[in-house]
Amino acid sequence: GPGLNLYDENGKARAILNLDKDGPML
């Protein structure tokens, strides 16, 4: 499935959104 990651200026993942067979996750 698809996935979206957003990072801050230090390269840390601050938001993750993805969709797999079990459903969406934020």
mmCIF file of all heavy atoms, coordinates in Angstrom:
data_MODEL
# 
_entry.id   MODEL 
# 
loop_
_atom_site.group_PDB 
_atom_site.id 
_atom_site.type_symbol 
_atom_site.label_atom_id 
_atom_site.label_alt_id 
_atom_site.label_comp_id 
_atom_site.label_asym_id 
_atom_site.label_entity_id 
_atom_site.label_seq_id 
_atom_site.pdbx_PDB_ins_code 
_atom_site.Cartn_x 
_atom_site.Cartn_y 
_atom_site.Cartn_z 
_atom_site.occupancy 
_atom_site.B_iso_or_equiv 
_atom_site.pdbx_formal_charge 
_atom_site.auth_seq_id 
_atom_site.auth_comp_id 
_atom_site.auth_asym_id 
_atom_site.auth_atom_id 
_atom_site.pdbx_PDB_model_num 
ATOM 1   N N   . GLY A 1 1  ? 0.803  -1.205 0.000  1.00 0.00 ? 1  GLY A N   1 
ATOM 2   C CA  . GLY A 1 1  ? 0.000  0.000  0.000  1.00 0.00 ? 1  GLY A CA  1 
ATOM 3   C C   . GLY A 1 1  ? 0.841  1.263  0.000  1.00 0.00 ? 1  GLY A C   1 
ATOM 4   O O   . GLY A 1 1  ? 2.059  1.215  0.114  1.00 0.00 ? 1  GLY A O   1 
ATOM 5   N N   . PRO A 1 2  ? 0.195  2.430  -0.110 1.00 0.00 ? 2  PRO A N   1 
ATOM 6   C CA  . PRO A 1 2  ? 0.915  3.701  -0.146 1.00 0.00 ? 2  PRO A CA  1 
ATOM 7   C C   . PRO A 1 2  ? 1.269  4.210  1.245  1.00 0.00 ? 2  PRO A C   1 
ATOM 8   O O   . PRO A 1 2  ? 0.637  3.838  2.238  1.00 0.00 ? 2  PRO A O   1 
ATOM 9   C CB  . PRO A 1 2  ? -0.084 4.635  -0.835 1.00 0.00 ? 2  PRO A CB  1 
ATOM 10  C CG  . PRO A 1 2  ? -1.419 4.080  -0.415 1.00 0.00 ? 2  PRO A CG  1 
ATOM 11  C CD  . PRO A 1 2  ? -1.251 2.593  -0.345 1.00 0.00 ? 2  PRO A CD  1 
ATOM 12  N N   . GLY A 1 3  ? 2.289  5.095  1.287  1.00 0.00 ? 3  GLY A N   1 
ATOM 13  C CA  . GLY A 1 3  ? 2.684  5.712  2.552  1.00 0.00 ? 3  GLY A CA  1 
ATOM 14  C C   . GLY A 1 3  ? 3.234  7.110  2.351  1.00 0.00 ? 3  GLY A C   1 
ATOM 15  O O   . GLY A 1 3  ? 3.895  7.386  1.334  1.00 0.00 ? 3  GLY A O   1 
ATOM 16  N N   . LEU A 1 4  ? 2.951  7.989  3.290  1.00 0.00 ? 4  LEU A N   1 
ATOM 17  C CA  . LEU A 1 4  ? 3.415  9.376  3.246  1.00 0.00 ? 4  LEU A CA  1 
ATOM 18  C C   . LEU A 1 4  ? 4.113  9.720  4.551  1.00 0.00 ? 4  LEU A C   1 
ATOM 19  O O   . LEU A 1 4  ? 3.566  9.481  5.635  1.00 0.00 ? 4  LEU A O   1 
ATOM 20  C CB  . LEU A 1 4  ? 2.234  10.324 3.026  1.00 0.00 ? 4  LEU A CB  1 
ATOM 21  C CG  . LEU A 1 4  ? 2.516  11.832 3.146  1.00 0.00 ? 4  LEU A CG  1 
ATOM 22  C CD1 . LEU A 1 4  ? 3.461  12.282 2.027  1.00 0.00 ? 4  LEU A CD1 1 
ATOM 23  C CD2 . LEU A 1 4  ? 1.217  12.625 3.107  1.00 0.00 ? 4  LEU A CD2 1 
ATOM 24  N N   . ASN A 1 5  ? 5.325  10.255 4.464  1.00 0.00 ? 5  ASN A N   1 
ATOM 25  C CA  . ASN A 1 5  ? 6.082  10.696 5.636  1.00 0.00 ? 5  ASN A CA  1 
ATOM 26  C C   . ASN A 1 5  ? 6.392  12.184 5.527  1.00 0.00 ? 5  ASN A C   1 
ATOM 27  O O   . ASN A 1 5  ? 6.778  12.666 4.453  1.00 0.00 ? 5  ASN A O   1 
ATOM 28  C CB  . ASN A 1 5  ? 7.399  9.935  5.759  1.00 0.00 ? 5  ASN A CB  1 
ATOM 29  C CG  . ASN A 1 5  ? 7.235  8.586  6.426  1.00 0.00 ? 5  ASN A CG  1 
ATOM 30  O OD1 . ASN A 1 5  ? 6.137  8.045  6.492  1.00 0.00 ? 5  ASN A OD1 1 
ATOM 31  N ND2 . ASN A 1 5  ? 8.329  8.034  6.916  1.00 0.00 ? 5  ASN A ND2 1 
ATOM 32  N N   . LEU A 1 6  ? 6.261  12.913 6.633  1.00 0.00 ? 6  LEU A N   1 
ATOM 33  C CA  . LEU A 1 6  ? 6.643  14.319 6.710  1.00 0.00 ? 6  LEU A CA  1 
ATOM 34  C C   . LEU A 1 6  ? 7.722  14.473 7.769  1.00 0.00 ? 6  LEU A C   1 
ATOM 35  O O   . LEU A 1 6  ? 7.604  13.925 8.875  1.00 0.00 ? 6  LEU A O   1 
ATOM 36  C CB  . LEU A 1 6  ? 5.429  15.182 7.053  1.00 0.00 ? 6  LEU A CB  1 
ATOM 37  C CG  . LEU A 1 6  ? 4.238  15.099 6.085  1.00 0.00 ? 6  LEU A CG  1 
ATOM 38  C CD1 . LEU A 1 6  ? 3.111  16.006 6.560  1.00 0.00 ? 6  LEU A CD1 1 
ATOM 39  C CD2 . LEU A 1 6  ? 4.654  15.450 4.662  1.00 0.00 ? 6  LEU A CD2 1 
ATOM 40  N N   . TYR A 1 7  ? 8.781  15.243 7.444  1.00 0.00 ? 7  TYR A N   1 
ATOM 41  C CA  . TYR A 1 7  ? 9.933  15.374 8.330  1.00 0.00 ? 7  TYR A CA  1 
ATOM 42  C C   . TYR A 1 7  ? 10.135 16.831 8.742  1.00 0.00 ? 7  TYR A C   1 
ATOM 43  O O   . TYR A 1 7  ? 9.786  17.756 8.011  1.00 0.00 ? 7  TYR A O   1 
ATOM 44  C CB  . TYR A 1 7  ? 11.208 14.883 7.627  1.00 0.00 ? 7  TYR A CB  1 
ATOM 45  C CG  . TYR A 1 7  ? 11.141 13.444 7.168  1.00 0.00 ? 7  TYR A CG  1 
ATOM 46  C CD1 . TYR A 1 7  ? 10.583 13.119 5.933  1.00 0.00 ? 7  TYR A CD1 1 
ATOM 47  C CD2 . TYR A 1 7  ? 11.646 12.425 7.957  1.00 0.00 ? 7  TYR A CD2 1 
ATOM 48  C CE1 . TYR A 1 7  ? 10.520 11.804 5.503  1.00 0.00 ? 7  TYR A CE1 1 
ATOM 49  C CE2 . TYR A 1 7  ? 11.595 11.109 7.534  1.00 0.00 ? 7  TYR A CE2 1 
ATOM 50  C CZ  . TYR A 1 7  ? 11.030 10.800 6.305  1.00 0.00 ? 7  TYR A CZ  1 
ATOM 51  O OH  . TYR A 1 7  ? 10.964 9.505  5.880  1.00 0.00 ? 7  TYR A OH  1 
ATOM 52  N N   . ASP A 1 8  ? 10.776 16.998 9.906  1.00 0.00 ? 8  ASP A N   1 
ATOM 53  C CA  . ASP A 1 8  ? 11.128 18.349 10.329 1.00 0.00 ? 8  ASP A CA  1 
ATOM 54  C C   . ASP A 1 8  ? 12.501 18.710 9.767  1.00 0.00 ? 8  ASP A C   1 
ATOM 55  O O   . ASP A 1 8  ? 13.112 17.937 9.022  1.00 0.00 ? 8  ASP A O   1 
ATOM 56  C CB  . ASP A 1 8  ? 11.088 18.476 11.857 1.00 0.00 ? 8  ASP A CB  1 
ATOM 57  C CG  . ASP A 1 8  ? 12.072 17.545 12.554 1.00 0.00 ? 8  ASP A CG  1 
ATOM 58  O OD1 . ASP A 1 8  ? 13.038 17.070 11.906 1.00 0.00 ? 8  ASP A OD1 1 
ATOM 59  O OD2 . ASP A 1 8  ? 11.876 17.283 13.756 1.00 0.00 ? 8  ASP A OD2 1 
ATOM 60  N N   . GLU A 1 9  ? 13.016 19.880 10.129 1.00 0.00 ? 9  GLU A N   1 
ATOM 61  C CA  . GLU A 1 9  ? 14.284 20.365 9.576  1.00 0.00 ? 9  GLU A CA  1 
ATOM 62  C C   . GLU A 1 9  ? 15.484 19.545 10.040 1.00 0.00 ? 9  GLU A C   1 
ATOM 63  O O   . GLU A 1 9  ? 16.571 19.664 9.473  1.00 0.00 ? 9  GLU A O   1 
ATOM 64  C CB  . GLU A 1 9  ? 14.486 21.831 9.953  1.00 0.00 ? 9  GLU A CB  1 
ATOM 65  C CG  . GLU A 1 9  ? 14.489 22.086 11.446 1.00 0.00 ? 9  GLU A CG  1 
ATOM 66  C CD  . GLU A 1 9  ? 14.570 23.549 11.782 1.00 0.00 ? 9  GLU A CD  1 
ATOM 67  O OE1 . GLU A 1 9  ? 14.511 24.362 10.837 1.00 0.00 ? 9  GLU A OE1 1 
ATOM 68  O OE2 . GLU A 1 9  ? 14.690 23.887 12.969 1.00 0.00 ? 9  GLU A OE2 1 
ATOM 69  N N   . ASN A 1 10 ? 15.299 18.718 11.075 1.00 0.00 ? 10 ASN A N   1 
ATOM 70  C CA  . ASN A 1 10 ? 16.375 17.868 11.583 1.00 0.00 ? 10 ASN A CA  1 
ATOM 71  C C   . ASN A 1 10 ? 16.317 16.455 11.009 1.00 0.00 ? 10 ASN A C   1 
ATOM 72  O O   . ASN A 1 10 ? 17.107 15.596 11.398 1.00 0.00 ? 10 ASN A O   1 
ATOM 73  C CB  . ASN A 1 10 ? 16.318 17.797 13.109 1.00 0.00 ? 10 ASN A CB  1 
ATOM 74  C CG  . ASN A 1 10 ? 16.550 19.142 13.758 1.00 0.00 ? 10 ASN A CG  1 
ATOM 75  O OD1 . ASN A 1 10 ? 17.453 19.885 13.353 1.00 0.00 ? 10 ASN A OD1 1 
ATOM 76  N ND2 . ASN A 1 10 ? 15.747 19.480 14.746 1.00 0.00 ? 10 ASN A ND2 1 
ATOM 77  N N   . GLY A 1 11 ? 15.389 16.224 10.084 1.00 0.00 ? 11 GLY A N   1 
ATOM 78  C CA  . GLY A 1 11 ? 15.278 14.915 9.456  1.00 0.00 ? 11 GLY A CA  1 
ATOM 79  C C   . GLY A 1 11 ? 14.483 13.907 10.250 1.00 0.00 ? 11 GLY A C   1 
ATOM 80  O O   . GLY A 1 11 ? 14.493 12.713 9.916  1.00 0.00 ? 11 GLY A O   1 
ATOM 81  N N   . LYS A 1 12 ? 13.779 14.345 11.298 1.00 0.00 ? 12 LYS A N   1 
ATOM 82  C CA  . LYS A 1 12 ? 12.966 13.459 12.114 1.00 0.00 ? 12 LYS A CA  1 
ATOM 83  C C   . LYS A 1 12 ? 11.566 13.336 11.520 1.00 0.00 ? 12 LYS A C   1 
ATOM 84  O O   . LYS A 1 12 ? 10.949 14.345 11.159 1.00 0.00 ? 12 LYS A O   1 
ATOM 85  C CB  . LYS A 1 12 ? 12.869 13.973 13.545 1.00 0.00 ? 12 LYS A CB  1 
ATOM 86  C CG  . LYS A 1 12 ? 14.203 14.064 14.277 1.00 0.00 ? 12 LYS A CG  1 
ATOM 87  C CD  . LYS A 1 12 ? 14.758 12.674 14.568 1.00 0.00 ? 12 LYS A CD  1 
ATOM 88  C CE  . LYS A 1 12 ? 16.038 12.776 15.399 1.00 0.00 ? 12 LYS A CE  1 
ATOM 89  N NZ  . LYS A 1 12 ? 16.579 11.434 15.719 1.00 0.00 ? 12 LYS A NZ  1 
ATOM 90  N N   . ALA A 1 13 ? 11.065 12.096 11.439 1.00 0.00 ? 13 ALA A N   1 
ATOM 91  C CA  . ALA A 1 13 ? 9.708  11.881 10.946 1.00 0.00 ? 13 ALA A CA  1 
ATOM 92  C C   . ALA A 1 13 ? 8.718  12.394 11.977 1.00 0.00 ? 13 ALA A C   1 
ATOM 93  O O   . ALA A 1 13 ? 8.730  11.968 13.137 1.00 0.00 ? 13 ALA A O   1 
ATOM 94  C CB  . ALA A 1 13 ? 9.479  10.401 10.673 1.00 0.00 ? 13 ALA A CB  1 
ATOM 95  N N   . ARG A 1 14 ? 7.850  13.320 11.589 1.00 0.00 ? 14 ARG A N   1 
ATOM 96  C CA  . ARG A 1 14 ? 6.890  13.911 12.519 1.00 0.00 ? 14 ARG A CA  1 
ATOM 97  C C   . ARG A 1 14 ? 5.457  13.479 12.231 1.00 0.00 ? 14 ARG A C   1 
ATOM 98  O O   . ARG A 1 14 ? 4.584  13.572 13.090 1.00 0.00 ? 14 ARG A O   1 
ATOM 99  C CB  . ARG A 1 14 ? 6.991  15.442 12.468 1.00 0.00 ? 14 ARG A CB  1 
ATOM 100 C CG  . ARG A 1 14 ? 8.387  15.979 12.783 1.00 0.00 ? 14 ARG A CG  1 
ATOM 101 C CD  . ARG A 1 14 ? 8.816  15.608 14.200 1.00 0.00 ? 14 ARG A CD  1 
ATOM 102 N NE  . ARG A 1 14 ? 7.966  16.228 15.185 1.00 0.00 ? 14 ARG A NE  1 
ATOM 103 C CZ  . ARG A 1 14 ? 8.152  17.452 15.686 1.00 0.00 ? 14 ARG A CZ  1 
ATOM 104 N NH1 . ARG A 1 14 ? 9.176  18.159 15.269 1.00 0.00 ? 14 ARG A NH1 1 
ATOM 105 N NH2 . ARG A 1 14 ? 7.334  17.935 16.581 1.00 0.00 ? 14 ARG A NH2 1 
ATOM 106 N N   . ALA A 1 15 ? 5.212  13.026 10.994 1.00 0.00 ? 15 ALA A N   1 
ATOM 107 C CA  . ALA A 1 15 ? 3.881  12.558 10.638 1.00 0.00 ? 15 ALA A CA  1 
ATOM 108 C C   . ALA A 1 15 ? 4.001  11.424 9.628  1.00 0.00 ? 15 ALA A C   1 
ATOM 109 O O   . ALA A 1 15 ? 4.774  11.516 8.671  1.00 0.00 ? 15 ALA A O   1 
ATOM 110 C CB  . ALA A 1 15 ? 3.035  13.681 10.060 1.00 0.00 ? 15 ALA A CB  1 
ATOM 111 N N   . ILE A 1 16 ? 3.268  10.319 9.882  1.00 0.00 ? 16 ILE A N   1 
ATOM 112 C CA  . ILE A 1 16 ? 3.271  9.154  9.005  1.00 0.00 ? 16 ILE A CA  1 
ATOM 113 C C   . ILE A 1 16 ? 1.832  8.759  8.704  1.00 0.00 ? 16 ILE A C   1 
ATOM 114 O O   . ILE A 1 16 ? 1.027  8.586  9.615  1.00 0.00 ? 16 ILE A O   1 
ATOM 115 C CB  . ILE A 1 16 ? 4.009  7.963  9.648  1.00 0.00 ? 16 ILE A CB  1 
ATOM 116 C CG1 . ILE A 1 16 ? 5.483  8.289  9.861  1.00 0.00 ? 16 ILE A CG1 1 
ATOM 117 C CG2 . ILE A 1 16 ? 3.869  6.717  8.774  1.00 0.00 ? 16 ILE A CG2 1 
ATOM 118 C CD1 . ILE A 1 16 ? 6.263  7.171  10.538 1.00 0.00 ? 16 ILE A CD1 1 
ATOM 119 N N   . LEU A 1 17 ? 1.538  8.652  7.428  1.00 0.00 ? 17 LEU A N   1 
ATOM 120 C CA  . LEU A 1 17 ? 0.216  8.213  6.985  1.00 0.00 ? 17 LEU A CA  1 
ATOM 121 C C   . LEU A 1 17 ? 0.408  7.090  5.975  1.00 0.00 ? 17 LEU A C   1 
ATOM 122 O O   . LEU A 1 17 ? 1.123  7.263  4.997  1.00 0.00 ? 17 LEU A O   1 
ATOM 123 C CB  . LEU A 1 17 ? -0.553 9.360  6.337  1.00 0.00 ? 17 LEU A CB  1 
ATOM 124 C CG  . LEU A 1 17 ? -1.887 9.006  5.669  1.00 0.00 ? 17 LEU A CG  1 
ATOM 125 C CD1 . LEU A 1 17 ? -2.889 8.501  6.700  1.00 0.00 ? 17 LEU A CD1 1 
ATOM 126 C CD2 . LEU A 1 17 ? -2.446 10.209 4.921  1.00 0.00 ? 17 LEU A CD2 1 
ATOM 127 N N   . ASN A 1 18 ? -0.196 5.933  6.248  1.00 0.00 ? 18 ASN A N   1 
ATOM 128 C CA  . ASN A 1 18 ? -0.083 4.851  5.289  1.00 0.00 ? 18 ASN A CA  1 
ATOM 129 C C   . ASN A 1 18 ? -1.338 3.993  5.288  1.00 0.00 ? 18 ASN A C   1 
ATOM 130 O O   . ASN A 1 18 ? -2.160 4.043  6.211  1.00 0.00 ? 18 ASN A O   1 
ATOM 131 C CB  . ASN A 1 18 ? 1.150  3.986  5.569  1.00 0.00 ? 18 ASN A CB  1 
ATOM 132 C CG  . ASN A 1 18 ? 0.939  3.048  6.745  1.00 0.00 ? 18 ASN A CG  1 
ATOM 133 O OD1 . ASN A 1 18 ? 1.083  3.457  7.893  1.00 0.00 ? 18 ASN A OD1 1 
ATOM 134 N ND2 . ASN A 1 18 ? 0.597  1.801  6.474  1.00 0.00 ? 18 ASN A ND2 1 
ATOM 135 N N   . LEU A 1 19 ? -1.479 3.216  4.224  1.00 0.00 ? 19 LEU A N   1 
ATOM 136 C CA  . LEU A 1 19 ? -2.632 2.349  4.058  1.00 0.00 ? 19 LEU A CA  1 
ATOM 137 C C   . LEU A 1 19 ? -2.153 0.978  3.635  1.00 0.00 ? 19 LEU A C   1 
ATOM 138 O O   . LEU A 1 19 ? -1.470 0.838  2.622  1.00 0.00 ? 19 LEU A O   1 
ATOM 139 C CB  . LEU A 1 19 ? -3.583 2.929  3.002  1.00 0.00 ? 19 LEU A CB  1 
ATOM 140 C CG  . LEU A 1 19 ? -4.806 2.084  2.645  1.00 0.00 ? 19 LEU A CG  1 
ATOM 141 C CD1 . LEU A 1 19 ? -5.724 1.942  3.847  1.00 0.00 ? 19 LEU A CD1 1 
ATOM 142 C CD2 . LEU A 1 19 ? -5.544 2.711  1.463  1.00 0.00 ? 19 LEU A CD2 1 
ATOM 143 N N   . ASP A 1 20 ? -2.487 -0.064 4.421  1.00 0.00 ? 20 ASP A N   1 
ATOM 144 C CA  . ASP A 1 20 ? -2.148 -1.434 4.068  1.00 0.00 ? 20 ASP A CA  1 
ATOM 145 C C   . ASP A 1 20 ? -3.392 -2.304 4.161  1.00 0.00 ? 20 ASP A C   1 
ATOM 146 O O   . ASP A 1 20 ? -4.511 -1.795 4.287  1.00 0.00 ? 20 ASP A O   1 
ATOM 147 C CB  . ASP A 1 20 ? -1.012 -1.960 4.942  1.00 0.00 ? 20 ASP A CB  1 
ATOM 148 C CG  . ASP A 1 20 ? -1.328 -1.890 6.438  1.00 0.00 ? 20 ASP A CG  1 
ATOM 149 O OD1 . ASP A 1 20 ? -2.528 -1.868 6.803  1.00 0.00 ? 20 ASP A OD1 1 
ATOM 150 O OD2 . ASP A 1 20 ? -0.388 -1.871 7.240  1.00 0.00 ? 20 ASP A OD2 1 
ATOM 151 N N   . LYS A 1 21 ? -3.195 -3.622 4.132  1.00 0.00 ? 21 LYS A N   1 
ATOM 152 C CA  . LYS A 1 21 ? -4.342 -4.535 4.127  1.00 0.00 ? 21 LYS A CA  1 
ATOM 153 C C   . LYS A 1 21 ? -5.162 -4.453 5.415  1.00 0.00 ? 21 LYS A C   1 
ATOM 154 O O   . LYS A 1 21 ? -6.335 -4.838 5.435  1.00 0.00 ? 21 LYS A O   1 
ATOM 155 C CB  . LYS A 1 21 ? -3.862 -5.964 3.925  1.00 0.00 ? 21 LYS A CB  1 
ATOM 156 C CG  . LYS A 1 21 ? -2.923 -6.464 5.026  1.00 0.00 ? 21 LYS A CG  1 
ATOM 157 C CD  . LYS A 1 21 ? -2.470 -7.879 4.735  1.00 0.00 ? 21 LYS A CD  1 
ATOM 158 C CE  . LYS A 1 21 ? -1.533 -8.368 5.841  1.00 0.00 ? 21 LYS A CE  1 
ATOM 159 N NZ  . LYS A 1 21 ? -1.097 -9.772 5.596  1.00 0.00 ? 21 LYS A NZ  1 
ATOM 160 N N   . ASP A 1 22 ? -4.551 -3.962 6.489  1.00 0.00 ? 22 ASP A N   1 
ATOM 161 C CA  . ASP A 1 22 ? -5.263 -3.834 7.757  1.00 0.00 ? 22 ASP A CA  1 
ATOM 162 C C   . ASP A 1 22 ? -6.017 -2.523 7.878  1.00 0.00 ? 22 ASP A C   1 
ATOM 163 O O   . ASP A 1 22 ? -6.732 -2.302 8.851  1.00 0.00 ? 22 ASP A O   1 
ATOM 164 C CB  . ASP A 1 22 ? -4.290 -3.979 8.931  1.00 0.00 ? 22 ASP A CB  1 
ATOM 165 C CG  . ASP A 1 22 ? -3.641 -5.356 8.969  1.00 0.00 ? 22 ASP A CG  1 
ATOM 166 O OD1 . ASP A 1 22 ? -4.337 -6.331 8.629  1.00 0.00 ? 22 ASP A OD1 1 
ATOM 167 O OD2 . ASP A 1 22 ? -2.451 -5.450 9.321  1.00 0.00 ? 22 ASP A OD2 1 
ATOM 168 N N   . GLY A 1 23 ? -5.829 -1.611 6.886  1.00 0.00 ? 23 GLY A N   1 
ATOM 169 C CA  . GLY A 1 23 ? -6.512 -0.338 6.916  1.00 0.00 ? 23 GLY A CA  1 
ATOM 170 C C   . GLY A 1 23 ? -5.566 0.835  7.039  1.00 0.00 ? 23 GLY A C   1 
ATOM 171 O O   . GLY A 1 23 ? -4.339 0.669  7.038  1.00 0.00 ? 23 GLY A O   1 
ATOM 172 N N   . PRO A 1 24 ? -6.090 2.048  7.173  1.00 0.00 ? 24 PRO A N   1 
ATOM 173 C CA  . PRO A 1 24 ? -5.249 3.248  7.269  1.00 0.00 ? 24 PRO A CA  1 
ATOM 174 C C   . PRO A 1 24 ? -4.649 3.416  8.660  1.00 0.00 ? 24 PRO A C   1 
ATOM 175 O O   . PRO A 1 24 ? -5.191 2.935  9.658  1.00 0.00 ? 24 PRO A O   1 
ATOM 176 C CB  . PRO A 1 24 ? -6.229 4.375  6.948  1.00 0.00 ? 24 PRO A CB  1 
ATOM 177 C CG  . PRO A 1 24 ? -7.551 3.852  7.419  1.00 0.00 ? 24 PRO A CG  1 
ATOM 178 C CD  . PRO A 1 24 ? -7.533 2.379  7.139  1.00 0.00 ? 24 PRO A CD  1 
ATOM 179 N N   . MET A 1 25 ? -3.500 4.111  8.711  1.00 0.00 ? 25 MET A N   1 
ATOM 180 C CA  . MET A 1 25 ? -2.847 4.431  9.968  1.00 0.00 ? 25 MET A CA  1 
ATOM 181 C C   . MET A 1 25 ? -2.251 5.828  9.889  1.00 0.00 ? 25 MET A C   1 
ATOM 182 O O   . MET A 1 25 ? -1.627 6.184  8.893  1.00 0.00 ? 25 MET A O   1 
ATOM 183 C CB  . MET A 1 25 ? -1.738 3.417  10.289 1.00 0.00 ? 25 MET A CB  1 
ATOM 184 C CG  . MET A 1 25 ? -1.156 3.554  11.714 1.00 0.00 ? 25 MET A CG  1 
ATOM 185 S SD  . MET A 1 25 ? 0.060  4.892  11.920 1.00 0.00 ? 25 MET A SD  1 
ATOM 186 C CE  . MET A 1 25 ? 1.406  4.289  10.912 1.00 0.00 ? 25 MET A CE  1 
ATOM 187 N N   . LEU A 1 26 ? -2.456 6.620  10.927 1.00 0.00 ? 26 LEU A N   1 
ATOM 188 C CA  . LEU A 1 26 ? -1.908 7.964  11.012 1.00 0.00 ? 26 LEU A CA  1 
ATOM 189 C C   . LEU A 1 26 ? -1.197 8.114  12.347 1.00 0.00 ? 26 LEU A C   1 
ATOM 190 O O   . LEU A 1 26 ? -1.762 7.803  13.402 1.00 0.00 ? 26 LEU A O   1 
ATOM 191 C CB  . LEU A 1 26 ? -3.016 9.017  10.903 1.00 0.00 ? 26 LEU A CB  1 
ATOM 192 C CG  . LEU A 1 26 ? -2.599 10.474 11.125 1.00 0.00 ? 26 LEU A CG  1 
ATOM 193 C CD1 . LEU A 1 26 ? -1.578 10.897 10.067 1.00 0.00 ? 26 LEU A CD1 1 
ATOM 194 C CD2 . LEU A 1 26 ? -3.816 11.391 11.099 1.00 0.00 ? 26 LEU A CD2 1 
# 
